[in-house]
Each structure stands twice: as structure tokens, then as C-alpha cells.
Amino acid sequence: MHGYMRMYWAKKILEWTPSPEIAQQIAIDLNDKYELDGRDPNGYTGIAWSIGGIHDRAWFERPIFGKIRYMNYNGCKSKFDVMKYIEMHNS
């Protein structure tokens, strides 16, 4: 998975679950099962950065995310071609 997509994906899991602990466990389980770098330090670090803010600075506090960096779809569109990414992985 593209690194930016993993960050966005993990943050969506955080948004959709009742707690950061549950979000982190779900993200780890899915990453370990489906990603090439499953059970790799890079995967765990990406998830910890996205959900726990590891290796990142504090941001403005907001609901659900607290001081963890917020990411949204428009941010993804500014970093890479989202539709091309979807088409590439949808075939």
C-alpha cells in the first residue's frame, strides 16, 4: 500500500472505531494479513504514526483525533492521483 494511503486508511479506522486501542489492533491485524510489509517494523511504525502520533508533533485538538494529525480525502488528492490509484488496484 502506498505510504500516504496507509496513513489515511489507519486514520479512517480510528475515526470508525470506539477507541484508539481498538483502531490500532484492527489496523495491525489487517496490515499483517494483507500487506507485503505485514509484520514488518515499517508497517507498525506507519500505524503508530497514524493512530498514536508517534514521531509527529502535536496538532490542533479536534474531536476523535485529539492532537493527532488529521488527514482527509482532499489531502490525498493533493499528494497523488487518487483515481489512478483506485483504477490500478481495482483491476
N, C-alpha and C. Protein backbone atom coordinates (compact mmCIF):
# COMPACT_ATOMS: atom_id res chain seq x y z
N MET A 1 0.85 -1.17 0.00
CA MET A 1 0.00 0.00 0.00
C MET A 1 0.90 1.24 0.00
N HIS A 2 0.51 2.21 -0.77
CA HIS A 2 1.21 3.49 -0.79
C HIS A 2 1.27 4.03 0.64
N GLY A 3 2.42 4.58 1.04
CA GLY A 3 2.60 5.05 2.41
C GLY A 3 1.55 6.06 2.84
N TYR A 4 1.22 7.00 1.96
CA TYR A 4 0.22 8.00 2.30
C TYR A 4 -1.16 7.35 2.47
N MET A 5 -1.44 6.33 1.65
CA MET A 5 -2.71 5.62 1.78
C MET A 5 -2.80 4.86 3.09
N ARG A 6 -1.68 4.28 3.55
CA ARG A 6 -1.71 3.58 4.83
C ARG A 6 -2.04 4.56 5.96
N MET A 7 -1.47 5.75 5.89
CA MET A 7 -1.75 6.75 6.92
C MET A 7 -3.23 7.13 6.90
N TYR A 8 -3.75 7.39 5.71
CA TYR A 8 -5.16 7.77 5.57
C TYR A 8 -6.07 6.63 6.03
N TRP A 9 -5.75 5.42 5.60
CA TRP A 9 -6.52 4.22 5.93
C TRP A 9 -6.57 4.03 7.46
N ALA A 10 -5.42 4.13 8.12
CA ALA A 10 -5.38 3.94 9.58
C ALA A 10 -6.17 5.03 10.29
N LYS A 11 -6.11 6.26 9.78
CA LYS A 11 -6.87 7.34 10.40
C LYS A 11 -8.37 7.14 10.22
N LYS A 12 -8.78 6.56 9.11
CA LYS A 12 -10.20 6.25 8.92
C LYS A 12 -10.64 5.16 9.90
N ILE A 13 -9.79 4.17 10.12
CA ILE A 13 -10.11 3.13 11.11
C ILE A 13 -10.28 3.77 12.48
N LEU A 14 -9.39 4.70 12.83
CA LEU A 14 -9.51 5.43 14.10
C LEU A 14 -10.85 6.15 14.18
N GLU A 15 -11.24 6.78 13.09
CA GLU A 15 -12.49 7.53 13.05
C GLU A 15 -13.71 6.62 13.22
N TRP A 16 -13.62 5.39 12.74
CA TRP A 16 -14.77 4.48 12.72
C TRP A 16 -14.85 3.54 13.91
N THR A 17 -13.90 3.58 14.82
CA THR A 17 -13.90 2.65 15.96
C THR A 17 -14.08 3.41 17.27
N PRO A 18 -14.48 2.70 18.33
CA PRO A 18 -14.77 3.38 19.59
C PRO A 18 -13.54 3.87 20.37
N SER A 19 -12.35 3.34 20.07
CA SER A 19 -11.17 3.77 20.83
C SER A 19 -9.90 3.62 19.99
N PRO A 20 -8.86 4.39 20.33
CA PRO A 20 -7.58 4.25 19.62
C PRO A 20 -6.97 2.85 19.76
N GLU A 21 -7.17 2.23 20.91
CA GLU A 21 -6.62 0.89 21.13
C GLU A 21 -7.24 -0.12 20.17
N ILE A 22 -8.55 -0.05 20.02
CA ILE A 22 -9.23 -0.96 19.09
C ILE A 22 -8.82 -0.64 17.66
N ALA A 23 -8.75 0.63 17.32
CA ALA A 23 -8.33 1.03 15.97
C ALA A 23 -6.94 0.50 15.64
N GLN A 24 -6.03 0.63 16.59
CA GLN A 24 -4.67 0.15 16.36
C GLN A 24 -4.64 -1.36 16.15
N GLN A 25 -5.40 -2.10 16.94
CA GLN A 25 -5.40 -3.56 16.80
C GLN A 25 -6.00 -3.98 15.46
N ILE A 26 -7.08 -3.33 15.05
CA ILE A 26 -7.69 -3.65 13.76
C ILE A 26 -6.71 -3.34 12.63
N ALA A 27 -6.07 -2.17 12.69
CA ALA A 27 -5.11 -1.79 11.65
C ALA A 27 -3.95 -2.77 11.58
N ILE A 28 -3.44 -3.17 12.72
CA ILE A 28 -2.32 -4.14 12.74
C ILE A 28 -2.77 -5.48 12.15
N ASP A 29 -3.94 -5.96 12.57
CA ASP A 29 -4.43 -7.25 12.07
C ASP A 29 -4.60 -7.22 10.55
N LEU A 30 -5.22 -6.16 10.03
CA LEU A 30 -5.42 -6.06 8.58
C LEU A 30 -4.10 -5.90 7.84
N ASN A 31 -3.23 -5.06 8.38
CA ASN A 31 -1.93 -4.83 7.74
C ASN A 31 -1.11 -6.13 7.71
N ASP A 32 -1.09 -6.85 8.82
CA ASP A 32 -0.33 -8.10 8.88
C ASP A 32 -0.87 -9.15 7.91
N LYS A 33 -2.18 -9.14 7.70
CA LYS A 33 -2.78 -10.15 6.84
C LYS A 33 -2.68 -9.81 5.35
N TYR A 34 -2.85 -8.53 4.99
CA TYR A 34 -3.00 -8.19 3.58
C TYR A 34 -1.84 -7.43 2.94
N GLU A 35 -0.94 -6.86 3.70
CA GLU A 35 0.12 -6.04 3.10
C GLU A 35 1.44 -6.79 2.99
N LEU A 36 2.21 -6.44 1.97
CA LEU A 36 3.52 -7.07 1.77
C LEU A 36 4.44 -6.86 2.95
N ASP A 37 4.32 -5.71 3.60
CA ASP A 37 5.18 -5.44 4.76
C ASP A 37 4.49 -5.79 6.08
N GLY A 38 3.49 -6.66 6.03
CA GLY A 38 2.86 -7.13 7.26
C GLY A 38 3.89 -7.75 8.17
N ARG A 39 3.77 -7.50 9.45
CA ARG A 39 4.71 -7.97 10.47
C ARG A 39 6.10 -7.36 10.29
N ASP A 40 6.16 -6.21 9.64
CA ASP A 40 7.42 -5.52 9.40
C ASP A 40 7.42 -4.22 10.23
N PRO A 41 8.58 -3.80 10.74
CA PRO A 41 8.62 -2.56 11.53
C PRO A 41 8.04 -1.36 10.80
N ASN A 42 8.20 -1.28 9.49
CA ASN A 42 7.67 -0.15 8.74
C ASN A 42 6.15 -0.09 8.83
N GLY A 43 5.49 -1.23 8.77
CA GLY A 43 4.04 -1.26 8.89
C GLY A 43 3.57 -0.82 10.27
N TYR A 44 4.23 -1.34 11.30
CA TYR A 44 3.86 -0.97 12.67
C TYR A 44 4.12 0.52 12.93
N THR A 45 5.22 1.03 12.41
CA THR A 45 5.54 2.45 12.61
C THR A 45 4.53 3.33 11.90
N GLY A 46 4.14 2.96 10.68
CA GLY A 46 3.14 3.74 9.95
C GLY A 46 1.81 3.78 10.69
N ILE A 47 1.42 2.67 11.25
CA ILE A 47 0.17 2.61 12.02
C ILE A 47 0.30 3.44 13.30
N ALA A 48 1.42 3.30 14.00
CA ALA A 48 1.64 4.06 15.24
C ALA A 48 1.68 5.56 14.95
N TRP A 49 2.25 5.96 13.83
CA TRP A 49 2.28 7.37 13.46
C TRP A 49 0.86 7.86 13.21
N SER A 50 0.07 7.08 12.49
CA SER A 50 -1.27 7.50 12.09
C SER A 50 -2.25 7.56 13.25
N ILE A 51 -2.20 6.58 14.12
CA ILE A 51 -3.19 6.48 15.20
C ILE A 51 -2.68 7.08 16.50
N GLY A 52 -1.39 6.92 16.78
CA GLY A 52 -0.85 7.38 18.05
C GLY A 52 0.01 8.62 18.00
N GLY A 53 0.31 9.10 16.80
CA GLY A 53 1.11 10.31 16.67
C GLY A 53 2.60 10.10 16.93
N ILE A 54 3.07 8.86 16.91
CA ILE A 54 4.48 8.56 17.13
C ILE A 54 5.31 9.26 16.05
N HIS A 55 6.40 9.88 16.44
CA HIS A 55 7.32 10.58 15.53
C HIS A 55 6.68 11.78 14.84
N ASP A 56 5.64 12.35 15.39
CA ASP A 56 4.98 13.52 14.81
C ASP A 56 4.76 14.54 15.92
N ARG A 57 4.55 15.78 15.53
CA ARG A 57 4.29 16.83 16.52
C ARG A 57 2.79 16.88 16.82
N ALA A 58 2.45 17.55 17.90
CA ALA A 58 1.04 17.73 18.25
C ALA A 58 0.40 18.75 17.30
N TRP A 59 -0.85 18.53 16.96
CA TRP A 59 -1.61 19.43 16.10
C TRP A 59 -2.75 20.02 16.92
N PHE A 60 -3.56 20.86 16.29
CA PHE A 60 -4.69 21.45 16.99
C PHE A 60 -5.66 20.34 17.39
N GLU A 61 -6.18 20.46 18.60
CA GLU A 61 -7.08 19.42 19.10
C GLU A 61 -8.40 19.45 18.36
N ARG A 62 -8.89 18.25 18.04
CA ARG A 62 -10.18 18.12 17.36
C ARG A 62 -10.86 16.83 17.84
N PRO A 63 -12.20 16.74 17.68
CA PRO A 63 -12.91 15.54 18.10
C PRO A 63 -12.34 14.28 17.43
N ILE A 64 -12.39 13.19 18.12
CA ILE A 64 -11.92 11.86 17.72
C ILE A 64 -10.40 11.79 17.66
N PHE A 65 -9.76 12.71 16.98
CA PHE A 65 -8.32 12.64 16.74
C PHE A 65 -7.48 13.26 17.85
N GLY A 66 -8.08 14.08 18.70
CA GLY A 66 -7.28 14.76 19.72
C GLY A 66 -6.24 15.64 19.04
N LYS A 67 -4.98 15.47 19.40
CA LYS A 67 -3.90 16.27 18.81
C LYS A 67 -3.14 15.52 17.72
N ILE A 68 -3.71 14.40 17.26
CA ILE A 68 -3.11 13.61 16.18
C ILE A 68 -3.40 14.31 14.85
N ARG A 69 -2.42 14.29 13.95
CA ARG A 69 -2.57 14.93 12.64
C ARG A 69 -3.81 14.38 11.92
N TYR A 70 -4.63 15.29 11.42
CA TYR A 70 -5.83 14.92 10.68
C TYR A 70 -5.50 14.81 9.19
N MET A 71 -6.10 13.86 8.53
CA MET A 71 -5.95 13.71 7.08
C MET A 71 -7.32 13.46 6.48
N ASN A 72 -7.53 13.97 5.26
CA ASN A 72 -8.80 13.74 4.59
C ASN A 72 -8.58 13.44 3.11
N TYR A 73 -9.67 13.17 2.43
CA TYR A 73 -9.63 12.80 1.02
C TYR A 73 -8.98 13.89 0.17
N ASN A 74 -9.31 15.14 0.45
CA ASN A 74 -8.71 16.23 -0.33
C ASN A 74 -7.20 16.28 -0.15
N GLY A 75 -6.72 15.93 1.02
CA GLY A 75 -5.27 15.85 1.24
C GLY A 75 -4.65 14.77 0.38
N CYS A 76 -5.34 13.64 0.26
CA CYS A 76 -4.85 12.55 -0.61
C CYS A 76 -4.78 13.03 -2.05
N LYS A 77 -5.82 13.73 -2.50
CA LYS A 77 -5.85 14.22 -3.88
C LYS A 77 -4.69 15.17 -4.17
N SER A 78 -4.26 15.91 -3.15
CA SER A 78 -3.15 16.85 -3.38
C SER A 78 -1.79 16.15 -3.40
N LYS A 79 -1.71 14.93 -2.87
CA LYS A 79 -0.44 14.20 -2.79
C LYS A 79 -0.23 13.24 -3.95
N PHE A 80 -1.31 12.67 -4.49
CA PHE A 80 -1.18 11.72 -5.60
C PHE A 80 -2.50 11.61 -6.34
N ASP A 81 -2.48 10.95 -7.47
CA ASP A 81 -3.66 10.77 -8.31
C ASP A 81 -4.52 9.64 -7.74
N VAL A 82 -5.53 10.01 -6.97
CA VAL A 82 -6.37 9.04 -6.26
C VAL A 82 -7.11 8.13 -7.24
N MET A 83 -7.68 8.70 -8.29
CA MET A 83 -8.43 7.88 -9.24
C MET A 83 -7.53 6.87 -9.95
N LYS A 84 -6.33 7.28 -10.30
CA LYS A 84 -5.38 6.35 -10.92
C LYS A 84 -5.02 5.22 -9.95
N TYR A 85 -4.83 5.57 -8.68
CA TYR A 85 -4.53 4.57 -7.65
C TYR A 85 -5.68 3.57 -7.54
N ILE A 86 -6.91 4.06 -7.52
CA ILE A 86 -8.08 3.19 -7.42
C ILE A 86 -8.17 2.28 -8.64
N GLU A 87 -8.01 2.85 -9.82
CA GLU A 87 -8.06 2.05 -11.05
C GLU A 87 -6.98 0.97 -11.06
N MET A 88 -5.79 1.33 -10.61
CA MET A 88 -4.67 0.39 -10.61
C MET A 88 -4.95 -0.81 -9.70
N HIS A 89 -5.61 -0.55 -8.56
CA HIS A 89 -5.85 -1.62 -7.59
C HIS A 89 -7.24 -2.24 -7.71
N ASN A 90 -8.04 -1.71 -8.60
CA ASN A 90 -9.40 -2.22 -8.78
C ASN A 90 -9.45 -3.29 -9.87
N SER A 91 -8.37 -3.46 -10.60
CA SER A 91 -8.39 -4.43 -11.70
C SER A 91 -7.89 -5.79 -11.28
